[in-house]
PDB file of N, CA and C in Angstrom:
ATOM      1  N   UNK A   1      21.801 -59.353 -16.700  1.00  0.00           N
ATOM      2  CA  UNK A   1      21.777 -57.818 -17.326  1.00  0.00           C
ATOM      3  C   UNK A   1      21.046 -57.061 -17.429  1.00  0.00           C
ATOM      4  N   UNK A   2      20.038 -57.003 -17.480  1.00  0.00           N
ATOM      5  CA  UNK A   2      19.275 -56.310 -17.503  1.00  0.00           C
ATOM      6  C   UNK A   2      18.879 -55.471 -16.046  1.00  0.00           C
ATOM      7  N   UNK A   3      19.633 -56.246 -15.037  1.00  0.00           N
ATOM      8  CA  UNK A   3      19.318 -55.676 -13.998  1.00  0.00           C
ATOM      9  C   UNK A   3      20.280 -54.540 -13.266  1.00  0.00           C
ATOM     10  N   UNK A   4      21.322 -55.056 -14.137  1.00  0.00           N
ATOM     11  CA  UNK A   4      22.614 -54.180 -14.029  1.00  0.00           C
ATOM     12  C   UNK A   4      22.157 -52.730 -14.861  1.00  0.00           C
ATOM     13  N   UNK A   5      21.730 -52.757 -15.615  1.00  0.00           N
ATOM     14  CA  UNK A   5      21.189 -51.669 -16.666  1.00  0.00           C
ATOM     15  C   UNK A   5      20.242 -50.869 -16.015  1.00  0.00           C
ATOM     16  N   UNK A   6      19.120 -51.413 -15.067  1.00  0.00           N
ATOM     17  CA  UNK A   6      18.520 -50.719 -14.335  1.00  0.00           C
ATOM     18  C   UNK A   6      18.999 -50.020 -12.967  1.00  0.00           C
ATOM     19  N   UNK A   7      20.104 -50.702 -12.611  1.00  0.00           N
ATOM     20  CA  UNK A   7      20.252 -50.118 -11.624  1.00  0.00           C
ATOM     21  C   UNK A   7      20.798 -48.437 -11.398  1.00  0.00           C
ATOM     22  N   UNK A   8      21.273 -47.893 -12.763  1.00  0.00           N
ATOM     23  CA  UNK A   8      21.976 -46.773 -12.983  1.00  0.00           C
ATOM     24  C   UNK A   8      20.584 -45.686 -12.947  1.00  0.00           C
ATOM     25  N   UNK A   9      19.684 -46.360 -13.526  1.00  0.00           N
ATOM     26  CA  UNK A   9      18.479 -45.648 -13.938  1.00  0.00           C
ATOM     27  C   UNK A   9      17.696 -45.291 -12.450  1.00  0.00           C
ATOM     28  N   UNK A  10      17.975 -46.123 -11.718  1.00  0.00           N
ATOM     29  CA  UNK A  10      17.070 -46.074 -10.131  1.00  0.00           C
ATOM     30  C   UNK A  10      17.875 -45.138  -9.488  1.00  0.00           C
ATOM     31  N   UNK A  11      18.931 -45.266  -9.654  1.00  0.00           N
ATOM     32  CA  UNK A  11      20.253 -44.418  -9.061  1.00  0.00           C
ATOM     33  C   UNK A  11      19.412 -42.631  -9.684  1.00  0.00           C
ATOM     34  N   UNK A  12      19.563 -42.604 -10.820  1.00  0.00           N
ATOM     35  CA  UNK A  12      19.476 -41.526 -11.429  1.00  0.00           C
ATOM     36  C   UNK A  12      17.696 -41.140 -10.801  1.00  0.00           C
ATOM     37  N   UNK A  13      16.728 -41.646 -10.871  1.00  0.00           N
ATOM     38  CA  UNK A  13      15.389 -41.628 -10.194  1.00  0.00           C
ATOM     39  C   UNK A  13      15.367 -40.956  -8.618  1.00  0.00           C
ATOM     40  N   UNK A  14      16.226 -41.841  -7.887  1.00  0.00           N
ATOM     41  CA  UNK A  14      16.262 -41.228  -6.765  1.00  0.00           C
ATOM     42  C   UNK A  14      17.258 -39.936  -6.501  1.00  0.00           C
ATOM     43  N   UNK A  15      18.062 -39.715  -7.152  1.00  0.00           N
ATOM     44  CA  UNK A  15      18.643 -38.684  -6.924  1.00  0.00           C
ATOM     45  C   UNK A  15      17.649 -37.598  -7.318  1.00  0.00           C
ATOM     46  N   UNK A  16      17.042 -37.729  -8.412  1.00  0.00           N
ATOM     47  CA  UNK A  16      16.069 -36.862  -8.676  1.00  0.00           C
ATOM     48  C   UNK A  16      14.603 -36.202  -7.813  1.00  0.00           C
ATOM     49  N   UNK A  17      14.806 -37.214  -7.176  1.00  0.00           N
ATOM     50  CA  UNK A  17      13.497 -37.501  -6.109  1.00  0.00           C
ATOM     51  C   UNK A  17      14.380 -36.499  -5.005  1.00  0.00           C
ATOM     52  N   UNK A  18      15.657 -36.936  -4.446  1.00  0.00           N
ATOM     53  CA  UNK A  18      16.104 -36.311  -3.234  1.00  0.00           C
ATOM     54  C   UNK A  18      16.591 -34.681  -3.912  1.00  0.00           C
ATOM     55  N   UNK A  19      16.694 -34.537  -4.743  1.00  0.00           N
ATOM     56  CA  UNK A  19      17.186 -33.023  -5.417  1.00  0.00           C
ATOM     57  C   UNK A  19      15.908 -32.590  -5.068  1.00  0.00           C
ATOM     58  N   UNK A  20      14.890 -32.904  -5.450  1.00  0.00           N
ATOM     59  CA  UNK A  20      13.107 -32.089  -5.727  1.00  0.00           C
ATOM     60  C   UNK A  20      12.715 -31.918  -3.936  1.00  0.00           C
ATOM     61  N   UNK A  21      13.402 -33.127  -3.144  1.00  0.00           N
ATOM     62  CA  UNK A  21      12.674 -33.095  -1.718  1.00  0.00           C
ATOM     63  C   UNK A  21      13.776 -31.848  -0.896  1.00  0.00           C
ATOM     64  N   UNK A  22      14.978 -32.096  -1.615  1.00  0.00           N
ATOM     65  CA  UNK A  22      15.946 -30.603  -1.149  1.00  0.00           C
ATOM     66  C   UNK A  22      15.845 -29.336  -1.716  1.00  0.00           C
ATOM     67  N   UNK A  23      15.259 -29.389  -2.918  1.00  0.00           N
ATOM     68  CA  UNK A  23      14.503 -28.152  -3.329  1.00  0.00           C
ATOM     69  C   UNK A  23      13.265 -27.686  -2.664  1.00  0.00           C
ATOM     70  N   UNK A  24      12.415 -28.061  -1.914  1.00  0.00           N
ATOM     71  CA  UNK A  24      11.122 -28.019  -1.571  1.00  0.00           C
ATOM     72  C   UNK A  24      11.625 -27.907  -0.204  1.00  0.00           C
ATOM     73  N   UNK A  25      12.497 -28.335   0.519  1.00  0.00           N
ATOM     74  CA  UNK A  25      12.863 -28.005   1.729  1.00  0.00           C
ATOM     75  C   UNK A  25      13.377 -26.600   2.222  1.00  0.00           C
ATOM     76  N   UNK A  26      14.296 -26.392   1.320  1.00  0.00           N
ATOM     77  CA  UNK A  26      15.376 -24.923   0.994  1.00  0.00           C
ATOM     78  C   UNK A  26      14.118 -24.113   0.671  1.00  0.00           C
ATOM     79  N   UNK A  27      12.837 -24.549  -0.135  1.00  0.00           N
ATOM     80  CA  UNK A  27      11.801 -23.213  -0.565  1.00  0.00           C
ATOM     81  C   UNK A  27      10.795 -23.037   0.693  1.00  0.00           C
ATOM     82  N   UNK A  28      10.486 -23.961   1.613  1.00  0.00           N
ATOM     83  CA  UNK A  28       9.581 -23.803   2.777  1.00  0.00           C
ATOM     84  C   UNK A  28      10.512 -23.345   3.805  1.00  0.00           C
ATOM     85  N   UNK A  29      11.885 -23.414   4.005  1.00  0.00           N
ATOM     86  CA  UNK A  29      12.752 -22.384   4.531  1.00  0.00           C
ATOM     87  C   UNK A  29      12.831 -20.894   4.425  1.00  0.00           C
ATOM     88  N   UNK A  30      13.154 -20.833   3.020  1.00  0.00           N
ATOM     89  CA  UNK A  30      12.711 -19.292   2.625  1.00  0.00           C
ATOM     90  C   UNK A  30      11.478 -18.553   2.872  1.00  0.00           C
ATOM     91  N   UNK A  31      10.517 -19.613   2.497  1.00  0.00           N
ATOM     92  CA  UNK A  31       9.163 -18.838   2.914  1.00  0.00           C
ATOM     93  C   UNK A  31       8.547 -18.690   4.300  1.00  0.00           C
ATOM     94  N   UNK A  32       9.356 -19.772   5.402  1.00  0.00           N
ATOM     95  CA  UNK A  32       9.295 -19.159   6.579  1.00  0.00           C
ATOM     96  C   UNK A  32       9.654 -18.282   6.936  1.00  0.00           C
ATOM     97  N   UNK A  33      11.096 -17.959   6.454  1.00  0.00           N
ATOM     98  CA  UNK A  33      11.806 -16.536   6.733  1.00  0.00           C
ATOM     99  C   UNK A  33      11.065 -15.512   6.311  1.00  0.00           C
ATOM    100  N   UNK A  34      10.528 -15.262   4.989  1.00  0.00           N
ATOM    101  CA  UNK A  34       9.517 -14.366   4.727  1.00  0.00           C
ATOM    102  C   UNK A  34       8.712 -14.214   5.713  1.00  0.00           C
ATOM    103  N   UNK A  35       7.664 -14.844   6.025  1.00  0.00           N
ATOM    104  CA  UNK A  35       6.892 -14.895   6.708  1.00  0.00           C
ATOM    105  C   UNK A  35       7.023 -14.495   8.442  1.00  0.00           C
ATOM    106  N   UNK A  36       8.383 -14.913   8.671  1.00  0.00           N
ATOM    107  CA  UNK A  36       8.741 -14.102   9.948  1.00  0.00           C
ATOM    108  C   UNK A  36       8.695 -12.729   9.773  1.00  0.00           C
ATOM    109  N   UNK A  37       9.588 -12.311   8.590  1.00  0.00           N
ATOM    110  CA  UNK A  37       9.517 -10.790   8.411  1.00  0.00           C
ATOM    111  C   UNK A  37       8.412 -10.100   8.204  1.00  0.00           C
ATOM    112  N   UNK A  38       7.414 -10.856   7.629  1.00  0.00           N
ATOM    113  CA  UNK A  38       6.251 -10.045   7.493  1.00  0.00           C
ATOM    114  C   UNK A  38       5.598  -9.566   8.777  1.00  0.00           C
ATOM    115  N   UNK A  39       5.578 -10.845   9.380  1.00  0.00           N
ATOM    116  CA  UNK A  39       4.721 -10.684  10.794  1.00  0.00           C
ATOM    117  C   UNK A  39       5.336  -9.557  11.940  1.00  0.00           C
ATOM    118  N   UNK A  40       7.120 -10.109  11.657  1.00  0.00           N
ATOM    119  CA  UNK A  40       7.363  -8.476  12.271  1.00  0.00           C
ATOM    120  C   UNK A  40       7.073  -7.446  11.960  1.00  0.00           C
ATOM    121  N   UNK A  41       7.175  -7.140  10.917  1.00  0.00           N
ATOM    122  CA  UNK A  41       6.583  -5.539  10.105  1.00  0.00           C
ATOM    123  C   UNK A  41       5.329  -5.128  10.718  1.00  0.00           C
ATOM    124  N   UNK A  42       4.245  -6.197  11.013  1.00  0.00           N
ATOM    125  CA  UNK A  42       2.813  -5.876  11.136  1.00  0.00           C
ATOM    126  C   UNK A  42       2.480  -5.170  12.197  1.00  0.00           C
ATOM    127  N   UNK A  43       3.397  -5.523  13.122  1.00  0.00           N
ATOM    128  CA  UNK A  43       2.969  -4.433  14.721  1.00  0.00           C
ATOM    129  C   UNK A  43       3.365  -2.887  14.258  1.00  0.00           C
ATOM    130  N   UNK A  44       4.546  -2.862  13.882  1.00  0.00           N
ATOM    131  CA  UNK A  44       4.860  -1.067  13.400  1.00  0.00           C
ATOM    132  C   UNK A  44       4.170  -0.486  12.261  1.00  0.00           C
ATOM    133  N   UNK A  45       3.378  -1.605  11.519  1.00  0.00           N
ATOM    134  CA  UNK A  45       2.724  -0.918  10.620  1.00  0.00           C
ATOM    135  C   UNK A  45       1.201  -0.984  10.763  1.00  0.00           C
ATOM    136  N   UNK A  46       0.960  -1.495  11.864  1.00  0.00           N
ATOM    137  CA  UNK A  46      -0.552  -1.341  12.496  1.00  0.00           C
ATOM    138  C   UNK A  46      -0.344   0.292  13.094  1.00  0.00           C
ATOM    139  N   UNK A  47       0.763   0.099  14.202  1.00  0.00           N
ATOM    140  CA  UNK A  47       0.507   1.411  14.918  1.00  0.00           C
ATOM    141  C   UNK A  47       0.852   2.553  13.927  1.00  0.00           C
ATOM    142  N   UNK A  48       1.477   2.606  12.923  1.00  0.00           N
ATOM    143  CA  UNK A  48       1.504   3.374  12.006  1.00  0.00           C
ATOM    144  C   UNK A  48       0.088   3.913  11.295  1.00  0.00           C
ATOM    145  N   UNK A  49      -0.673   2.921  10.929  1.00  0.00           N
ATOM    146  CA  UNK A  49      -1.853   2.924  10.205  1.00  0.00           C
ATOM    147  C   UNK A  49      -2.937   3.824  11.589  1.00  0.00           C
ATOM    148  N   UNK A  50      -2.780   2.995  12.657  1.00  0.00           N
ATOM    149  CA  UNK A  50      -3.620   3.450  14.154  1.00  0.00           C
ATOM    150  C   UNK A  50      -3.501   5.322  14.310  1.00  0.00           C
ATOM    151  N   UNK A  51      -1.952   5.237  14.172  1.00  0.00           N
ATOM    152  CA  UNK A  51      -1.433   6.840  14.564  1.00  0.00           C
ATOM    153  C   UNK A  51      -2.028   7.799  13.048  1.00  0.00           C
ATOM    154  N   UNK A  52      -2.119   7.627  12.121  1.00  0.00           N
ATOM    155  CA  UNK A  52      -2.443   8.572  11.021  1.00  0.00           C
ATOM    156  C   UNK A  52      -4.024   8.771  10.925  1.00  0.00           C
ATOM    157  N   UNK A  53      -4.907   7.232  11.414  1.00  0.00           N
ATOM    158  CA  UNK A  53      -6.460   7.311  11.916  1.00  0.00           C
ATOM    159  C   UNK A  53      -6.720   8.698  12.818  1.00  0.00           C
ATOM    160  N   UNK A  54      -5.711   8.428  13.591  1.00  0.00           N
ATOM    161  CA  UNK A  54      -6.294   9.253  14.957  1.00  0.00           C
ATOM    162  C   UNK A  54      -6.043  10.464  14.280  1.00  0.00           C
ATOM    163  N   UNK A  55      -4.921  10.941  13.785  1.00  0.00           N
ATOM    164  CA  UNK A  55      -4.420  12.422  13.322  1.00  0.00           C
ATOM    165  C   UNK A  55      -5.277  12.962  12.227  1.00  0.00           C
ATOM    166  N   UNK A  56      -5.848  12.366  11.301  1.00  0.00           N
ATOM    167  CA  UNK A  56      -7.118  12.705  10.604  1.00  0.00           C
ATOM    168  C   UNK A  56      -8.118  12.679  11.342  1.00  0.00           C
ATOM    169  N   UNK A  57      -8.598  11.888  11.982  1.00  0.00           N
ATOM    170  CA  UNK A  57      -9.909  12.218  12.659  1.00  0.00           C
ATOM    171  C   UNK A  57      -9.692  13.654  13.927  1.00  0.00           C
ATOM    172  N   UNK A  58      -8.786  13.734  14.230  1.00  0.00           N
ATOM    173  CA  UNK A  58      -8.543  14.801  15.262  1.00  0.00           C
ATOM    174  C   UNK A  58      -8.184  16.308  14.189  1.00  0.00           C
ATOM    175  N   UNK A  59      -7.764  16.295  13.083  1.00  0.00           N
ATOM    176  CA  UNK A  59      -7.523  17.344  12.069  1.00  0.00           C
ATOM    177  C   UNK A  59      -9.149  17.448  11.590  1.00  0.00           C
ATOM    178  N   UNK A  60      -9.398  16.559  11.215  1.00  0.00           N
ATOM    179  CA  UNK A  60     -11.094  17.028  10.473  1.00  0.00           C
ATOM    180  C   UNK A  60     -12.014  17.249  11.941  1.00  0.00           C
ATOM    181  N   UNK A  61     -11.779  16.950  12.940  1.00  0.00           N
ATOM    182  CA  UNK A  61     -12.484  17.147  14.082  1.00  0.00           C
ATOM    183  C   UNK A  61     -12.278  18.678  14.179  1.00  0.00           C
ATOM    184  N   UNK A  62     -11.114  19.254  14.596  1.00  0.00           N
ATOM    185  CA  UNK A  62     -10.622  20.314  14.833  1.00  0.00           C
ATOM    186  C   UNK A  62     -10.704  21.396  13.375  1.00  0.00           C
ATOM    187  N   UNK A  63     -11.139  21.005  12.334  1.00  0.00           N
ATOM    188  CA  UNK A  63     -11.285  21.993  11.189  1.00  0.00           C
ATOM    189  C   UNK A  63     -12.208  22.431  11.112  1.00  0.00           C
ATOM    190  N   UNK A  64     -13.448  21.192  11.457  1.00  0.00           N
ATOM    191  CA  UNK A  64     -14.766  21.541  11.647  1.00  0.00           C
ATOM    192  C   UNK A  64     -15.347  22.850  12.539  1.00  0.00           C
ATOM    193  N   UNK A  65     -14.817  22.391  13.971  1.00  0.00           N
ATOM    194  CA  UNK A  65     -15.164  22.858  14.815  1.00  0.00           C
ATOM    195  C   UNK A  65     -14.446  24.418  14.729  1.00  0.00           C
ATOM    196  N   UNK A  66     -13.696  24.859  14.562  1.00  0.00           N
ATOM    197  CA  UNK A  66     -13.142  26.063  13.887  1.00  0.00           C
ATOM    198  C   UNK A  66     -13.977  27.024  12.884  1.00  0.00           C
ATOM    199  N   UNK A  67     -13.960  26.118  11.857  1.00  0.00           N
ATOM    200  CA  UNK A  67     -14.478  26.845  10.582  1.00  0.00           C
ATOM    201  C   UNK A  67     -15.981  26.872  10.930  1.00  0.00           C
ATOM    202  N   UNK A  68     -16.705  26.090  11.681  1.00  0.00           N
ATOM    203  CA  UNK A  68     -18.247  26.293  11.554  1.00  0.00           C
ATOM    204  C   UNK A  68     -17.908  27.796  13.071  1.00  0.00           C
ATOM    205  N   UNK A  69     -17.095  27.704  13.842  1.00  0.00           N
ATOM    206  CA  UNK A  69     -17.284  28.864  14.614  1.00  0.00           C
ATOM    207  C   UNK A  69     -16.849  29.745  13.912  1.00  0.00           C
ATOM    208  N   UNK A  70     -16.088  29.858  12.950  1.00  0.00           N
ATOM    209  CA  UNK A  70     -15.555  31.362  12.205  1.00  0.00           C
ATOM    210  C   UNK A  70     -16.675  31.735  11.426  1.00  0.00           C
ATOM    211  N   UNK A  71     -17.224  30.772  10.657  1.00  0.00           N
ATOM    212  CA  UNK A  71     -18.457  31.329   9.923  1.00  0.00           C
ATOM    213  C   UNK A  71     -19.335  31.642  10.580  1.00  0.00           C
ATOM    214  N   UNK A  72     -19.893  31.038  11.800  1.00  0.00           N
ATOM    215  CA  UNK A  72     -20.755  31.954  12.384  1.00  0.00           C
ATOM    216  C   UNK A  72     -20.439  33.059  12.872  1.00  0.00           C
ATOM    217  N   UNK A  73     -19.356  32.975  13.740  1.00  0.00           N
ATOM    218  CA  UNK A  73     -18.930  34.243  13.865  1.00  0.00           C
ATOM    219  C   UNK A  73     -18.882  35.763  12.486  1.00  0.00           C
ATOM    220  N   UNK A  74     -18.602  34.942  11.314  1.00  0.00           N
ATOM    221  CA  UNK A  74     -18.281  36.444  10.361  1.00  0.00           C
ATOM    222  C   UNK A  74     -19.991  36.316   9.862  1.00  0.00           C
ATOM    223  N   UNK A  75     -20.921  35.741   9.918  1.00  0.00           N
ATOM    224  CA  UNK A  75     -21.982  36.326   9.698  1.00  0.00           C
ATOM    225  C   UNK A  75     -22.696  36.860  10.544  1.00  0.00           C
ATOM    226  N   UNK A  76     -22.425  36.869  11.768  1.00  0.00           N
ATOM    227  CA  UNK A  76     -23.034  37.569  12.828  1.00  0.00           C
ATOM    228  C   UNK A  76     -22.625  39.149  12.658  1.00  0.00           C
ATOM    229  N   UNK A  77     -23.339  40.333  12.844  1.00  0.00           N
ATOM    230  CA  UNK A  77     -23.067  41.737  12.981  1.00  0.00           C
ATOM    231  C   UNK A  77     -21.696  42.047  13.435  1.00  0.00           C
ATOM    232  N   UNK A  78     -20.625  42.415  13.303  1.00  0.00           N
ATOM    233  CA  UNK A  78     -19.315  42.114  14.345  1.00  0.00           C
ATOM    234  C   UNK A  78     -19.586  43.877  15.392  1.00  0.00           C
ATOM    235  N   UNK A  79     -20.980  44.304  15.073  1.00  0.00           N
ATOM    236  CA  UNK A  79     -20.797  45.399  16.675  1.00  0.00           C
ATOM    237  C   UNK A  79     -21.852  45.039  17.447  1.00  0.00           C
ATOM    238  N   UNK A  80     -21.674  43.939  18.188  1.00  0.00           N
ATOM    239  CA  UNK A  80     -22.781  43.626  18.989  1.00  0.00           C
ATOM    240  C   UNK A  80     -21.863  43.270  20.464  1.00  0.00           C
ATOM    241  N   UNK A  81     -22.385  42.693  21.909  1.00  0.00           N
ATOM    242  CA  UNK A  81     -22.111  42.442  22.395  1.00  0.00           C
ATOM    243  C   UNK A  81     -21.171  40.873  22.483  1.00  0.00           C
ATOM    244  N   UNK A  82     -22.206  40.171  21.921  1.00  0.00           N
ATOM    245  CA  UNK A  82     -21.488  38.478  21.348  1.00  0.00           C
ATOM    246  C   UNK A  82     -20.360  38.599  20.864  1.00  0.00           C
ATOM    247  N   UNK A  83     -20.285  39.271  19.795  1.00  0.00           N
ATOM    248  CA  UNK A  83     -18.970  39.308  19.088  1.00  0.00           C
ATOM    249  C   UNK A  83     -17.621  39.689  19.866  1.00  0.00           C
ATOM    250  N   UNK A  84     -18.056  41.330  20.740  1.00  0.00           N
ATOM    251  CA  UNK A  84     -16.767  42.064  21.505  1.00  0.00           C
ATOM    252  C   UNK A  84     -16.440  40.365  22.871  1.00  0.00           C
ATOM    253  N   UNK A  85     -17.528  39.817  23.002  1.00  0.00           N
ATOM    254  CA  UNK A  85     -17.082  39.094  24.277  1.00  0.00           C
ATOM    255  C   UNK A  85     -16.182  38.012  23.748  1.00  0.00           C
ATOM    256  N   UNK A  86     -16.501  37.211  22.455  1.00  0.00           N
ATOM    257  CA  UNK A  86     -15.759  36.420  21.949  1.00  0.00           C
ATOM    258  C   UNK A  86     -14.498  36.680  21.450  1.00  0.00           C
ATOM    259  N   UNK A  87     -14.441  37.949  20.889  1.00  0.00           N
ATOM    260  CA  UNK A  87     -13.223  38.392  20.419  1.00  0.00           C
ATOM    261  C   UNK A  87     -11.787  38.532  21.990  1.00  0.00           C
ATOM    262  N   UNK A  88     -12.841  39.052  22.941  1.00  0.00           N
ATOM    263  CA  UNK A  88     -11.806  39.522  24.192  1.00  0.00           C
ATOM    264  C   UNK A  88     -11.565  38.275  24.995  1.00  0.00           C
ATOM    265  N   UNK A  89     -12.758  37.050  25.041  1.00  0.00           N
ATOM    266  CA  UNK A  89     -12.546  35.891  25.284  1.00  0.00           C
ATOM    267  C   UNK A  89     -11.183  34.942  24.924  1.00  0.00           C
ATOM    268  N   UNK A  90     -10.915  34.987  23.618  1.00  0.00           N
ATOM    269  CA  UNK A  90     -10.080  34.892  22.789  1.00  0.00           C
ATOM    270  C   UNK A  90      -8.665  35.209  22.944  1.00  0.00           C
ATOM    271  N   UNK A  91      -8.574  36.540  23.081  1.00  0.00           N
ATOM    272  CA  UNK A  91      -7.421  37.077  23.294  1.00  0.00           C
ATOM    273  C   UNK A  91      -6.936  36.950  24.741  1.00  0.00           C
ATOM    274  N   UNK A  92      -7.807  36.714  25.471  1.00  0.00           N
ATOM    275  CA  UNK A  92      -7.340  36.535  26.861  1.00  0.00           C
ATOM    276  C   UNK A  92      -6.755  35.231  27.154  1.00  0.00           C
ATOM    277  N   UNK A  93      -7.352  34.057  26.327  1.00  0.00           N
ATOM    278  CA  UNK A  93      -6.981  32.745  25.966  1.00  0.00           C
ATOM    279  C   UNK A  93      -5.379  32.847  25.791  1.00  0.00           C
ATOM    280  N   UNK A  94      -5.286  33.725  24.252  1.00  0.00           N
ATOM    281  CA  UNK A  94      -4.031  33.523  23.868  1.00  0.00           C
ATOM    282  C   UNK A  94      -2.830  34.046  24.695  1.00  0.00           C
ATOM    283  N   UNK A  95      -3.389  35.226  25.363  1.00  0.00           N
ATOM    284  CA  UNK A  95      -2.227  35.649  26.292  1.00  0.00           C
ATOM    285  C   UNK A  95      -2.173  34.483  27.607  1.00  0.00           C
ATOM    286  N   UNK A  96      -2.897  34.243  27.819  1.00  0.00           N
ATOM    287  CA  UNK A  96      -2.955  33.400  29.248  1.00  0.00           C
ATOM    288  C   UNK A  96      -1.779  32.101  28.660  1.00  0.00           C
ATOM    289  N   UNK A  97      -2.094  31.576  27.341  1.00  0.00           N
ATOM    290  CA  UNK A  97      -1.127  30.625  27.178  1.00  0.00           C
ATOM    291  C   UNK A  97       0.155  31.034  26.458  1.00  0.00           C
ATOM    292  N   UNK A  98       0.310  32.124  26.261  1.00  0.00           N
ATOM    293  CA  UNK A  98       1.696  32.887  26.002  1.00  0.00           C
ATOM    294  C   UNK A  98       2.132  33.123  27.391  1.00  0.00           C
ATOM    295  N   UNK A  99       1.668  33.603  28.358  1.00  0.00           N
ATOM    296  CA  UNK A  99       2.397  33.599  29.547  1.00  0.00           C
ATOM    297  C   UNK A  99       2.559  32.221  30.188  1.00  0.00           C
ATOM    298  N   UNK A 100       1.992  31.005  30.182  1.00  0.00           N
ATOM    299  CA  UNK A 100       2.410  29.837  31.011  1.00  0.00           C
ATOM    300  C   UNK A 100       3.971  29.220  29.957  1.00  0.00           C
TER     301      UNK A 100
END
């Protein structure tokens, strides 16, 4: 008779183990889907980060070059052949760009 009472307890334990394994498989499947989604987003994120780094680098370079050139031009006396040549060359370059 003791054996008959043990059978429902064994069934309960087996059901608990089966439920735990089912939950683990479901969780693993969900985690795998999240990993696939994250990996799919990694490419565009890396591209955006690289694009942003290139933009910032170009901005800093252009700002440094232009700021330095303007600073040097403003510190020189304004009435001399160098400044007149820079001014005329700048205007000619702008006119060439507008005409193109």
